C-alpha cells in the first residue's frame, strides 16, 4: 500500500514538473519580439558628370546636290564651333540627316513651297565635359551668323546626368541606416527600452533629380532605408 502511494506521488510530481517545463517553454516561444520600425534618409548633392545635347538644325534647297553641299559645309561649321568651345570629335557624333521631299507631301500647297528638299541634321554631343557643353549651348545663337539656326524644341533640349551612383551608394546607405538608428533610439528612450540588433532592413530606390528647376548641372540624390530594430 505504501509502495503504491509512493508511486502515485512520484508520478504526480513528475507531471507537475513536466507541465511547468512545458509552460515555461511555451511562454518563451509565444512571447513576441519587441521591435520598432523606422526610416532613415540620406541626401547628397553632386555635380552632373555627363552632358547630352542633340544639336539640331534644318537646311533647305531645291536640288539634292545643293542640299548635300550645304549639309557638309554647315556640319563642318558646327564642328569648328564645338572645337572652339573645347570639344573634340570624341565628344560628339554626326548623325545621318533626315531628308524630306516636299513635292510628294499631299498636304503641302505647292505654290507655297519655299524649298523642294529639307534636311534635318543632328550633331549629338555626348561628353563628360559638362561645363564646355553648357557654354556651347548657351552661345549657340552665334551660329546664326553662319546661317545655322539651332533648334530649341523639346527634342533638342540639353540634359545632364550623373553616372557614378555606384561609387556613392555604400556611403549613402550607411548614412541612411545611421539616421534610422538615431530615430529608433529616440523611440526606445521614450518607451524606456534600448535598441538591439537589426531584425530586418529594406533599401529604398535611389532618386536622382535636379537640384533646382533651372540647375540641371547639379543633382540631388536621395535614398530612404526602412529598418526594424529589436528592443531590449
Protein backbone atom coordinates (compact mmCIF):
# COMPACT_ATOMS: atom_id res chain seq x y z
CA UNK A 1 0.00 0.00 0.00
CA UNK A 2 2.81 2.36 0.95
CA UNK A 3 4.62 1.48 -2.24
CA UNK A 4 1.51 2.32 -4.30
CA UNK A 5 1.13 5.72 -2.59
CA UNK A 6 4.81 6.47 -3.18
CA UNK A 7 4.43 5.57 -6.86
CA UNK A 8 1.34 7.78 -7.23
CA UNK A 9 3.16 10.66 -5.53
CA UNK A 10 6.18 10.29 -7.77
CA UNK A 11 4.03 10.28 -10.92
CA UNK A 12 2.13 13.35 -9.71
CA UNK A 13 5.33 15.24 -9.03
CA UNK A 14 6.67 14.29 -12.47
CA UNK A 15 3.52 15.52 -14.16
CA UNK A 16 3.64 18.81 -12.26
CA UNK A 17 7.32 19.33 -13.13
CA UNK A 18 6.71 18.40 -16.77
CA UNK A 19 3.77 20.77 -17.00
CA UNK A 20 5.87 23.56 -15.51
CA UNK A 21 8.68 22.95 -18.03
CA UNK A 22 6.24 22.88 -20.94
CA UNK A 23 4.57 26.04 -19.68
CA UNK A 24 7.87 27.92 -19.46
CA UNK A 25 8.88 26.69 -22.91
CA UNK A 26 5.61 27.75 -24.50
CA UNK A 27 5.75 31.13 -22.85
CA UNK A 28 9.17 31.72 -24.38
CA UNK A 29 8.01 30.59 -27.81
CA UNK A 30 4.81 32.60 -27.75
CA UNK A 31 6.41 35.77 -26.44
CA UNK A 32 6.66 38.19 -29.39
CA UNK A 33 9.81 40.18 -30.01
CA UNK A 34 9.53 43.84 -29.17
CA UNK A 35 10.56 45.84 -32.20
CA UNK A 36 10.46 49.32 -33.65
CA UNK A 37 10.39 50.12 -37.38
CA UNK A 38 11.90 53.41 -38.55
CA UNK A 39 13.07 55.08 -41.74
CA UNK A 40 16.38 56.77 -42.36
CA UNK A 41 17.00 59.39 -45.07
CA UNK A 42 20.31 60.17 -46.76
CA UNK A 43 20.65 63.09 -49.17
CA UNK A 44 23.60 64.28 -51.22
CA UNK A 45 24.13 66.99 -53.84
CA UNK A 46 26.51 66.13 -56.68
CA UNK A 47 27.69 67.61 -59.95
CA UNK A 48 26.40 66.06 -63.18
CA UNK A 49 29.19 64.23 -64.99
CA UNK A 50 27.60 63.74 -68.42
CA UNK A 51 26.03 66.23 -70.82
CA UNK A 52 23.74 65.27 -73.71
CA UNK A 53 22.87 67.79 -76.38
CA UNK A 54 21.25 66.95 -79.74
CA UNK A 55 22.48 69.98 -81.66
CA UNK A 56 19.82 70.09 -84.37
CA UNK A 57 19.48 72.35 -87.40
CA UNK A 58 17.44 72.29 -90.62
CA UNK A 59 18.55 73.25 -94.14
CA UNK A 60 16.58 73.68 -97.35
CA UNK A 61 17.49 73.51 -101.06
CA UNK A 62 15.82 72.95 -104.39
CA UNK A 63 18.19 70.21 -105.53
CA UNK A 64 19.69 67.27 -103.75
CA UNK A 65 23.16 68.17 -104.99
CA UNK A 66 22.95 71.63 -103.46
CA UNK A 67 21.44 70.22 -100.28
CA UNK A 68 24.33 67.80 -99.92
CA UNK A 69 26.86 70.61 -100.29
CA UNK A 70 25.05 72.73 -97.71
CA UNK A 71 24.85 69.87 -95.21
CA UNK A 72 28.59 69.17 -95.47
CA UNK A 73 29.51 72.85 -95.22
CA UNK A 74 27.24 73.64 -92.27
CA UNK A 75 28.22 70.48 -90.42
CA UNK A 76 31.87 71.48 -90.77
CA UNK A 77 31.00 74.90 -89.37
CA UNK A 78 29.35 73.24 -86.37
CA UNK A 79 32.42 71.05 -85.82
CA UNK A 80 34.64 74.11 -85.77
CA UNK A 81 32.26 75.84 -83.40
CA UNK A 82 32.39 72.92 -80.98
CA UNK A 83 36.18 72.78 -81.25
CA UNK A 84 36.32 76.48 -80.29
CA UNK A 85 34.40 75.51 -77.14
CA UNK A 86 36.88 72.81 -76.16
CA UNK A 87 35.04 69.80 -77.61
CA UNK A 88 36.79 67.26 -79.82
CA UNK A 89 35.38 64.68 -82.23
CA UNK A 90 35.35 62.20 -79.34
CA UNK A 91 32.67 64.33 -77.70
CA UNK A 92 30.07 64.13 -80.47
CA UNK A 93 28.76 62.13 -83.41
CA UNK A 94 27.25 63.42 -86.62
CA UNK A 95 24.07 61.52 -87.39
CA UNK A 96 22.68 60.85 -90.84
CA UNK A 97 20.41 63.70 -91.94
CA UNK A 98 16.69 63.19 -92.34
CA UNK A 99 15.60 64.33 -95.84
CA UNK A 100 12.05 65.47 -96.65
CA UNK A 101 10.82 65.79 -100.25
CA UNK A 102 8.05 68.36 -100.13
CA UNK A 103 6.80 67.55 -103.65
CA UNK A 104 5.41 64.19 -102.51
CA UNK A 105 3.60 65.58 -99.49
CA UNK A 106 -0.14 65.50 -100.40
CA UNK A 107 -0.94 68.08 -97.73
CA UNK A 108 1.60 70.61 -98.93
CA UNK A 109 0.45 73.60 -101.02
CA UNK A 110 2.97 73.54 -103.86
CA UNK A 111 2.52 77.24 -104.50
CA UNK A 112 3.86 77.89 -101.01
CA UNK A 113 6.83 75.53 -101.14
CA UNK A 114 9.98 77.53 -100.48
CA UNK A 115 12.37 74.57 -100.75
CA UNK A 116 11.85 71.32 -102.59
CA UNK A 117 14.00 69.45 -100.08
CA UNK A 118 14.53 69.89 -96.35
CA UNK A 119 17.25 68.22 -94.31
CA UNK A 120 17.31 67.93 -90.55
CA UNK A 121 20.81 67.30 -89.25
CA UNK A 122 21.69 66.27 -85.71
CA UNK A 123 25.15 66.51 -84.17
CA UNK A 124 24.75 64.51 -80.98
CA UNK A 125 27.03 65.90 -78.30
CA UNK A 126 27.65 63.39 -75.51
CA UNK A 127 30.51 64.36 -73.26
CA UNK A 128 31.83 64.40 -69.71
CA UNK A 129 32.96 67.99 -70.35
CA UNK A 130 29.82 69.36 -68.78
CA UNK A 131 30.91 73.00 -68.48
CA UNK A 132 32.12 73.11 -72.09
CA UNK A 133 28.90 71.64 -73.46
CA UNK A 134 26.77 74.05 -71.45
CA UNK A 135 28.82 77.00 -72.68
CA UNK A 136 28.49 75.82 -76.29
CA UNK A 137 24.74 75.52 -75.90
CA UNK A 138 24.47 78.93 -74.26
CA UNK A 139 26.39 80.51 -77.14
CA UNK A 140 24.59 78.64 -79.92
CA UNK A 141 22.94 81.81 -81.22
CA UNK A 142 26.38 82.73 -82.55
CA UNK A 143 25.87 80.08 -85.25
CA UNK A 144 23.12 82.19 -86.79
CA UNK A 145 25.78 84.40 -88.37
CA UNK A 146 26.85 81.29 -90.31
CA UNK A 147 23.31 80.59 -91.49
CA UNK A 148 22.65 77.87 -88.89
CA UNK A 149 19.54 78.13 -86.75
CA UNK A 150 19.91 75.69 -83.87
CA UNK A 151 16.60 74.14 -82.89
CA UNK A 152 15.33 74.87 -79.40
CA UNK A 153 12.40 72.45 -79.34
CA UNK A 154 11.82 69.71 -76.75
CA UNK A 155 13.70 67.02 -78.67
CA UNK A 156 16.77 69.26 -78.89
CA UNK A 157 16.98 70.17 -75.22
CA UNK A 158 20.26 69.76 -73.40
CA UNK A 159 20.25 67.38 -70.45
CA UNK A 160 22.69 66.47 -67.71
CA UNK A 161 23.13 63.16 -65.94
CA UNK A 162 25.02 61.68 -63.00
CA UNK A 163 26.50 58.29 -63.85
CA UNK A 164 28.59 57.45 -60.76
CA UNK A 165 25.81 56.37 -58.43
CA UNK A 166 27.52 53.07 -57.59
CA UNK A 167 30.51 54.99 -56.21
CA UNK A 168 28.45 56.72 -53.52
CA UNK A 169 25.81 54.06 -52.81
CA UNK A 170 27.62 52.38 -49.87
CA UNK A 171 28.26 55.72 -48.15
CA UNK A 172 24.65 56.86 -48.57
CA UNK A 173 23.18 53.56 -47.38
CA UNK A 174 25.42 53.69 -44.29
CA UNK A 175 24.30 57.26 -43.59
CA UNK A 176 20.62 56.39 -44.04
CA UNK A 177 20.96 53.41 -41.70
CA UNK A 178 22.75 55.57 -39.13
CA UNK A 179 19.92 58.11 -39.26
CA UNK A 180 17.38 55.30 -38.89
CA UNK A 181 19.13 54.08 -35.75
CA UNK A 182 19.08 57.60 -34.31
CA UNK A 183 15.31 57.68 -34.77
CA UNK A 184 14.97 54.20 -33.24
CA UNK A 185 17.00 55.26 -30.19
CA UNK A 186 14.65 58.17 -29.64
CA UNK A 187 11.63 55.86 -29.73
CA UNK A 188 13.37 53.42 -27.41
CA UNK A 189 14.28 56.18 -24.96
CA UNK A 190 10.68 57.35 -24.84
CA UNK A 191 9.50 53.82 -24.04
CA UNK A 192 12.23 53.02 -21.53
CA UNK A 193 13.91 50.48 -23.84
CA UNK A 194 17.19 50.07 -25.62
CA UNK A 195 17.83 49.43 -29.29
CA UNK A 196 19.14 45.99 -30.14
CA UNK A 197 20.18 44.35 -33.37
CA UNK A 198 18.61 44.88 -36.77
CA UNK A 199 15.83 42.40 -37.43
CA UNK A 200 15.01 43.40 -41.00
CA UNK A 201 16.19 46.15 -43.33
CA UNK A 202 14.95 47.34 -46.72
CA UNK A 203 16.77 49.72 -49.03
CA UNK A 204 14.51 52.03 -50.96
CA UNK A 205 15.10 53.28 -54.51
CA UNK A 206 17.71 55.93 -55.16
CA UNK A 207 16.07 59.06 -56.50
CA UNK A 208 18.05 61.49 -58.67
CA UNK A 209 16.56 64.87 -59.58
CA UNK A 210 17.70 68.36 -60.48
CA UNK A 211 18.84 70.39 -57.50
CA UNK A 212 16.64 73.21 -58.85
CA UNK A 213 14.38 73.71 -61.85
CA UNK A 214 16.96 75.69 -63.82
CA UNK A 215 20.01 74.00 -62.34
CA UNK A 216 20.30 70.70 -64.21
CA UNK A 217 24.07 70.54 -63.75
CA UNK A 218 23.54 69.92 -60.03
CA UNK A 219 21.74 66.76 -58.91
CA UNK A 220 20.18 65.87 -55.58
CA UNK A 221 20.31 62.18 -54.71
CA UNK A 222 18.08 60.69 -52.01
CA UNK A 223 17.61 57.22 -50.57
CA UNK A 224 15.36 56.03 -47.75
CA UNK A 225 16.03 52.83 -45.82
CA UNK A 226 13.41 51.09 -43.69
CA UNK A 227 14.91 49.28 -40.70
CA UNK A 228 13.27 47.14 -38.00
CA UNK A 229 15.24 47.00 -34.74
CA UNK A 230 14.81 44.65 -31.82
CA UNK A 231 14.16 46.35 -28.50
CA UNK A 232 15.55 45.09 -25.20
